[in-house]
């Protein structure tokens, strides 16, 4: 995993975290584009649910990227931009847990 426009490896992470979404499953902003400089960031997401029908809908910049069903994970590049490239998640059920990590290009 390298930074934008160079061969230097990414050395900063946001740490591995878990987000439990409480009842009333509403869309949640996981990563706010304003909080990160433009760069070759990498995102890891995993749906920890064991219930096959439960999924997280993933959106970037208000565009649906896809759904992560129980046990599914994703790893993808992300370029943060102020107000335009937020990563949002929307669980299909109450009390679902998403595991996540960001690798930051400084």
Protein backbone atom coordinates (compact mmCIF):
# COMPACT_ATOMS: atom_id res chain seq x y z
CA UNK A 1 0.00 0.00 0.00
CA UNK A 2 1.65 3.17 -1.17
CA UNK A 3 0.94 6.89 -1.01
CA UNK A 4 -0.35 8.98 -3.90
CA UNK A 5 2.21 9.54 -6.65
CA UNK A 6 5.10 7.78 -4.89
CA UNK A 7 6.34 4.41 -3.70
CA UNK A 8 6.39 5.27 0.01
CA UNK A 9 4.34 2.87 2.09
CA UNK A 10 1.42 4.07 4.18
CA UNK A 11 2.47 4.17 7.83
CA UNK A 12 -0.53 5.67 9.67
CA UNK A 13 -3.82 3.96 10.51
CA UNK A 14 -6.95 4.99 12.32
CA UNK A 15 -6.70 1.70 14.21
CA UNK A 16 -9.02 -1.26 14.00
CA UNK A 17 -12.41 -0.31 15.36
CA UNK A 18 -15.93 -1.64 15.65
CA UNK A 19 -19.13 0.34 15.37
CA UNK A 20 -22.35 -1.08 16.83
CA UNK A 21 -25.36 0.63 15.34
CA UNK A 22 -28.19 0.85 17.84
CA UNK A 23 -31.87 0.41 17.23
CA UNK A 24 -33.59 2.48 14.56
CA UNK A 25 -30.88 1.53 12.05
CA UNK A 26 -30.23 4.80 10.23
CA UNK A 27 -27.44 5.86 7.90
CA UNK A 28 -24.20 6.73 9.70
CA UNK A 29 -21.16 8.69 8.45
CA UNK A 30 -18.20 6.40 9.09
CA UNK A 31 -15.49 8.59 7.52
CA UNK A 32 -16.01 12.31 6.91
CA UNK A 33 -14.15 13.60 3.84
CA UNK A 34 -13.45 16.90 5.67
CA UNK A 35 -11.37 15.11 8.30
CA UNK A 36 -8.72 13.74 5.91
CA UNK A 37 -6.41 15.35 3.36
CA UNK A 38 -6.66 14.23 -0.27
CA UNK A 39 -4.52 11.18 -0.78
CA UNK A 40 -4.37 7.46 -1.46
CA UNK A 41 -6.14 6.30 1.69
CA UNK A 42 -7.25 2.66 1.98
CA UNK A 43 -10.42 1.47 3.74
CA UNK A 44 -11.17 -1.92 5.30
CA UNK A 45 -14.75 -2.85 6.27
CA UNK A 46 -16.23 -6.12 7.58
CA UNK A 47 -19.79 -7.09 8.46
CA UNK A 48 -19.40 -9.21 11.63
CA UNK A 49 -22.99 -10.49 11.58
CA UNK A 50 -23.66 -14.23 11.51
CA UNK A 51 -27.21 -13.73 10.18
CA UNK A 52 -27.09 -14.29 6.41
CA UNK A 53 -29.81 -11.75 5.56
CA UNK A 54 -28.16 -8.83 7.43
CA UNK A 55 -26.13 -6.39 5.38
CA UNK A 56 -24.59 -2.91 5.39
CA UNK A 57 -25.18 -0.65 2.41
CA UNK A 58 -22.00 1.32 1.68
CA UNK A 59 -22.19 4.79 0.09
CA UNK A 60 -19.46 7.14 -1.08
CA UNK A 61 -20.43 10.65 -2.15
CA UNK A 62 -24.13 9.65 -1.99
CA UNK A 63 -23.55 6.86 -4.54
CA UNK A 64 -24.24 3.30 -3.47
CA UNK A 65 -21.04 1.27 -3.72
CA UNK A 66 -22.62 -2.03 -2.71
CA UNK A 67 -23.75 -4.19 0.18
CA UNK A 68 -21.70 -6.22 2.66
CA UNK A 69 -23.63 -9.28 3.80
CA UNK A 70 -22.84 -11.33 6.92
CA UNK A 71 -19.15 -12.23 7.00
CA UNK A 72 -18.35 -10.14 3.89
CA UNK A 73 -15.48 -7.68 3.91
CA UNK A 74 -14.17 -4.99 1.57
CA UNK A 75 -10.85 -3.28 1.00
CA UNK A 76 -10.74 -0.30 -1.37
CA UNK A 77 -8.91 2.98 -2.11
CA UNK A 78 -10.48 6.25 -1.03
CA UNK A 79 -9.63 9.87 -1.82
CA UNK A 80 -11.14 12.17 0.77
CA UNK A 81 -12.55 15.51 -0.35
CA UNK A 82 -14.23 18.22 1.69
CA UNK A 83 -18.01 17.65 1.74
CA UNK A 84 -18.05 15.30 -1.23
CA UNK A 85 -16.50 11.93 -0.42
CA UNK A 86 -17.96 10.90 2.91
CA UNK A 87 -18.23 7.14 3.48
CA UNK A 88 -21.61 6.26 4.92
CA UNK A 89 -23.01 2.95 6.11
CA UNK A 90 -26.64 1.92 6.47
CA UNK A 91 -27.39 -1.31 8.36
CA UNK A 92 -30.33 -3.51 7.37
CA UNK A 93 -31.16 -4.43 11.00
CA UNK A 94 -30.76 -3.13 14.53
CA UNK A 95 -27.63 -3.68 16.63
CA UNK A 96 -25.36 -4.73 13.77
CA UNK A 97 -21.58 -4.42 14.19
CA UNK A 98 -19.20 -3.17 11.49
CA UNK A 99 -15.44 -3.67 11.84
CA UNK A 100 -13.41 -0.95 10.10
CA UNK A 101 -9.95 0.54 9.62
CA UNK A 102 -8.44 3.39 7.61
CA UNK A 103 -4.87 3.44 6.32
CA UNK A 104 -3.99 7.12 5.95
CA UNK A 105 -1.86 8.74 3.24
CA UNK A 106 -0.28 11.78 4.88
